[in-house]
Amino acid sequence: MKDSIGDWRKRIDRIDSQIIKLLDQRTQCAVEIGKIKAATGMPVFDPKREAEVVERLAALAHVIPQKSLEAVYREILSAARAVEKPLTVAFLGPLGTFSHEAAIALFGSSNAFKPLAGFAPIVKAVEAEECDFGVLPIESSVEGPVNANLDLLRDSSLTIFGEKTIAAHQNLMSKAKTIKGIKRLYSHQQPLGQCRGYIQRMLPGVEIYETASTAAAAEKAAKDKGSAAIGALAAARIYKLNVLDKSIEDGASGRTRFVVISRTPPRRTGKDKTSIAVSIKNRPGALFSLLGLFNKAKINLTQIASRPLKAGAWGYLFFIDLDGHREDPAVEKTLKQVAKMGDFLKILGSYPKGNG
């Protein structure tokens, strides 16, 4: 059996050597493409092209699961982009939060990540060209739309560039290698509540300390082998903690939809979504008539949220997500009709549909 395992490992070593040579060749190709992009003003990050690469390779794979393939190639593509030109991505800090995890899931880890203390600073950093992209949470499966960020998108010149939905799984992490001996537990109030049943079953009698964030909890746990933290996997990587147990929340995990914001729009892909903000006259049947325009054009609406207008009594601004690109004939025609009907219309972006 040992000889058999050794033979297979030698074969794996030979394959790994071939993979490295091919990755070097692939990266050199990316360098040449980067020169052409720089000369012609093309963006370094092209989600359409990256999605096409993964989709084509997924069809060729016979053993490796698609999600695993996507994760591997996300990092390969990220590394290639970093050779062309490292991207700077802003997100709500500190490092190790679920926003950080979303940024990695969107761009891969080979980027310059910039944690900022607030959503408005993220928008300002991208507007001021201090960062190439920003990542904002826009909708929670538990709490609904993130209204502050809808308002920021409405008032900003930036466009939505892409989206990704992240499952906020809570994880137990520590410098210790097992749960035995853990005496102190750190985390934010919300994860502690989500994992109350697990804590009672698996960590009875531990001292519980609330922290300002899950990242702050991981930082504390990293300094004490007798303690543990609950939080995102990104924090475990940053603070070099052992993940003792994954997905420890008592019920179904919450899911958060994040959007990428940019100064320039992405290419049309054929599998796109468009987000708009529109206000309509406050009269009977106005909303019914507005929705009727989309129904008549057979355009699917995936979300409708409302916000009170800052000026005027009982006026509302509607945030609508719809299937299709603003340049699709049916969508373009319908949005022109919406503009005539409404008092205000802003297209927040047309971008590739997220797959997670």
Foldseek 3Di string as FASTA:
>chain_A
DVVVVVVVVVVVVVVVVVVVVVLVVVLVVLQVVLVVCVVVVNDLDAVLVLVVVLVVVCVVDDPDDSVVSLLVSLQSSLVSSVSSPAFEEEEADDFFAVRNVVVCSVRNDRHRYDHDHDDVVRLVCQVVVVGAKYKDWAAKPVPGGPVVVVVVLVPGLKAWAAKAKDFFFKFKWAQAPELPQAAEEEAAPVQCVQQVVVCCVRPPNHHYDHDPHQLVRLQVRLVDRNHIYIGDVRSCVVSVIDGHGIRRGPDGTMMIMMTMIGNDYHDDNVWKKWKKKFWADPDPCLVVVLVVLCVVLVKDWDDWDWDADPDDPPTIIIITMITDACPDVSNVVSVVVRVVRTPDMDTRGMYHYYDD
